[in-house]
Protein backbone atom coordinates (compact mmCIF):
# COMPACT_ATOMS: atom_id res chain seq x y z
CA MET A 1 52.65 78.97 66.92
CA LYS A 2 53.38 80.05 70.36
CA PRO A 3 51.67 78.92 72.82
CA GLY A 4 50.90 82.37 74.32
CA LEU A 5 49.32 83.34 70.75
CA VAL A 6 47.54 80.13 70.78
CA ALA A 7 46.18 80.73 73.91
CA GLY A 8 45.60 84.66 72.72
CA VAL A 9 43.72 83.37 70.21
CA ALA A 10 41.41 81.54 71.60
CA ALA A 11 40.88 84.03 73.90
CA PHE A 12 39.92 86.14 71.30
CA PHE A 13 37.31 83.75 69.93
CA VAL A 14 35.80 83.31 73.59
CA LEU A 15 35.42 87.17 74.21
CA VAL A 16 34.43 87.29 70.90
CA ALA A 17 31.27 84.18 71.56
CA ALA A 18 30.36 85.78 74.55
CA VAL A 19 29.66 89.57 73.63
CA LEU A 20 27.64 88.32 70.63
CA VAL A 21 25.82 86.13 73.19
CA ALA A 22 25.33 89.45 75.61
CA LEU A 23 24.14 90.94 72.56
CA LEU A 24 21.57 88.54 71.11
CA LEU A 25 20.20 87.84 74.79
CA GLY A 26 20.24 90.90 75.96
CA PRO A 27 20.66 92.73 79.30
CA GLY A 28 18.70 90.64 81.71
CA LEU A 29 21.69 88.12 80.48
CA LEU A 30 24.22 89.88 82.73
CA ALA A 31 21.53 90.95 85.95
CA SER A 32 21.61 88.65 88.64
CA GLY A 33 19.17 86.73 89.41
CA THR A 34 17.90 85.93 85.92
CA SER A 35 15.04 84.19 86.00
CA THR A 36 14.59 80.29 84.50
CA VAL A 37 11.02 81.37 82.82
CA ASN A 38 12.74 84.58 81.33
CA LEU A 39 15.27 82.14 80.22
CA GLN A 40 12.47 80.21 78.67
CA THR A 41 10.68 83.11 76.92
CA ASN A 42 14.44 83.92 75.00
CA VAL A 43 14.73 80.03 74.27
CA THR A 44 11.09 79.65 72.25
CA SER A 45 11.41 83.00 70.82
CA GLY A 46 12.17 82.14 66.76
CA ASN A 47 15.63 83.80 67.14
CA VAL A 48 17.82 81.18 65.48
CA ILE A 49 20.59 82.04 67.04
CA VAL A 50 19.34 81.82 70.55
CA LEU A 51 17.78 78.40 69.30
CA GLU A 52 21.29 77.20 68.45
CA ASN A 53 22.63 78.32 71.31
CA ALA A 54 20.22 76.15 73.57
CA HIS A 55 21.84 72.94 72.43
CA GLN A 56 24.13 70.60 74.61
CA GLY A 57 27.67 72.17 74.89
CA THR A 58 31.02 71.35 74.96
CA ASN A 59 34.22 72.10 75.71
CA SER A 60 36.50 70.08 73.96
CA TRP A 61 37.12 73.19 71.23
CA GLN A 62 39.49 74.37 73.77
CA ILE A 63 43.39 73.34 73.79
CA PRO A 64 44.17 71.90 76.82
CA ARG A 65 47.40 73.19 78.52
CA GLY A 66 50.76 71.54 77.81
CA LYS A 67 49.08 70.16 74.28
CA GLU A 68 49.52 73.41 71.96
CA ALA A 69 51.38 72.10 68.56
CA THR A 70 53.75 74.42 66.98
CA ILE A 71 54.68 72.79 63.83
CA GLN A 72 53.50 69.02 63.99
CA ILE A 73 50.65 69.87 61.99
CA GLN A 74 49.12 73.17 60.72
CA ALA A 75 46.32 73.88 58.42
CA TYR A 76 44.75 77.21 56.37
CA ALA A 77 41.27 77.11 54.74
CA SER A 78 40.40 78.79 51.49
CA ALA A 79 38.13 81.58 52.81
CA THR A 80 37.17 83.45 56.27
CA SER A 81 33.50 83.27 55.49
CA VAL A 82 31.39 80.71 53.31
CA LEU A 83 27.40 80.07 52.98
CA PRO A 84 25.52 76.75 53.60
CA GLY A 85 25.98 74.85 50.72
CA GLN A 86 29.25 75.94 49.70
CA LYS A 87 32.50 74.07 50.28
CA LEU A 88 35.31 75.34 52.68
CA THR A 89 39.09 73.93 51.27
CA PHE A 90 41.64 72.93 54.63
CA TYR A 91 45.19 73.04 53.65
CA VAL A 92 46.75 70.69 56.11
CA SER A 93 50.78 69.47 56.44
CA THR A 94 52.17 67.33 59.36
CA GLN A 95 54.84 68.02 60.10
CA LYS A 96 56.04 63.87 59.62
CA GLU A 97 54.32 62.47 56.66
CA GLY A 98 51.44 59.82 56.72
CA ILE A 99 50.71 60.35 60.54
CA LEU A 100 47.46 60.56 60.81
CA TYR A 101 45.17 63.18 62.38
CA SER A 102 41.48 64.73 62.89
CA VAL A 103 39.56 67.58 62.07
CA ASP A 104 37.11 68.85 64.65
CA ILE A 105 34.64 71.99 63.93
CA TYR A 106 32.75 73.93 66.81
CA ARG A 107 30.53 76.22 66.06
CA LEU A 108 30.91 78.97 69.32
CA GLY A 109 28.42 80.17 71.49
CA TRP A 110 27.05 80.22 74.92
CA TYR A 111 26.06 76.46 74.93
CA GLU A 112 25.26 76.12 78.37
CA GLY A 113 28.54 78.10 79.59
CA TYR A 114 30.87 75.52 77.44
CA GLY A 115 31.66 78.05 74.78
CA GLY A 116 31.06 75.73 72.13
CA ARG A 117 29.36 72.50 70.25
CA LEU A 118 30.97 69.97 68.15
CA MET A 119 29.23 70.31 64.50
CA ALA A 120 31.01 67.70 62.76
CA SER A 121 34.21 65.22 63.14
CA GLU A 122 36.48 63.64 60.59
CA GLY A 123 38.74 61.04 61.47
CA TYR A 124 41.60 58.94 60.32
CA GLN A 125 42.97 61.54 57.54
CA THR A 126 46.47 61.26 56.25
CA GLY A 127 48.76 64.09 56.81
CA HIS A 128 51.56 64.91 53.93
CA ALA A 129 54.67 67.17 55.18
CA GLN A 130 53.97 69.83 53.05
CA GLY A 131 56.39 72.08 55.16
CA TYR A 132 55.50 74.21 58.40
CA TYR A 133 56.02 77.51 59.59
CA ALA A 134 58.59 77.65 62.53
CA VAL A 135 57.94 79.75 65.59
CA ASN A 136 61.21 81.47 64.70
CA SER A 137 60.22 82.77 61.62
CA ARG A 138 61.20 80.49 59.31
CA LEU A 139 59.68 78.10 57.00
CA VAL A 140 60.89 74.75 56.72
CA GLY A 141 60.72 71.56 53.93
CA CYS A 142 58.23 73.61 52.18
CA THR A 143 59.22 73.30 48.26
CA SER A 144 55.59 74.92 47.54
CA CYS A 145 56.43 78.15 49.26
CA HIS A 146 57.08 81.62 48.08
CA VAL A 147 58.12 84.39 50.25
CA ASP A 148 58.10 87.66 48.72
CA THR A 149 60.89 89.48 49.84
CA THR A 150 60.05 93.09 49.59
CA THR A 151 55.75 92.71 51.32
CA GLY A 152 57.30 90.05 53.46
CA LEU A 153 54.07 87.77 52.78
CA VAL A 154 54.31 83.87 52.36
CA GLU A 155 52.41 81.82 50.26
CA ALA A 156 52.42 78.27 51.53
CA ASN A 157 50.86 77.04 48.43
CA TRP A 158 50.13 73.52 49.66
CA GLN A 159 47.83 70.94 48.28
CA PRO A 160 44.47 70.20 49.37
CA SER A 161 43.97 67.72 52.00
CA TYR A 162 40.01 67.96 53.51
CA ILE A 163 37.14 69.45 51.70
CA LEU A 164 34.09 70.21 54.17
CA THR A 165 30.64 71.44 52.37
CA ILE A 166 29.26 73.30 54.59
CA PRO A 167 25.27 71.65 55.94
CA SER A 168 21.92 73.50 54.55
CA ASP A 169 21.38 73.46 58.72
CA TRP A 170 24.56 75.39 60.17
CA ILE A 171 23.67 79.40 61.21
CA THR A 172 25.77 82.20 60.97
CA GLY A 173 28.59 82.50 64.20
CA VAL A 174 31.90 82.51 64.27
CA TYR A 175 33.71 78.07 63.70
CA LEU A 176 36.62 76.88 64.51
CA ALA A 177 37.97 74.19 63.20
CA LYS A 178 40.28 72.38 65.97
CA PHE A 179 43.03 69.49 63.80
CA THR A 180 44.69 66.77 65.69
CA ASP A 181 47.61 64.28 65.28
CA THR A 182 47.60 60.88 66.86
CA THR A 183 50.47 62.13 68.76
CA GLY A 184 47.83 64.28 70.53
């Protein structure tokens, strides 16, 4: 992915999270001088999303400038929406065979203004070179890929790399999977 596209996608998720938080916490969030007492009332209101967003946050879900990757590691998921208890399969390809990578799963939300919370982390995954999609819109080294020249559809058909069973205590929201190889 192009660095600008990665930044744009990250900005989109931040915007979506901010809108969700504003909708959940109500118009009092935007008013100046919001009191701690008012915020405490919301946190203890029993709304599971408000309670979730009160947890300790982190900004490590963001991709630091200069660390954007375009071809070193790429991934896609088996579904865009899953429920607790269901499995989500990630298909990961590293540019070099055997390179180690980690996957960190974040839930996006208020979280003290940090924008995300680390929900799960799996290190020491072994990467497999299954091909990649280059910036110049072409597939490189992908023997399992199929391109429909009529529609432009590209199917990677990579082998499964990591399977996450969604924990029963994860609540609805926008989640982000961040893949990082050993070179950062």
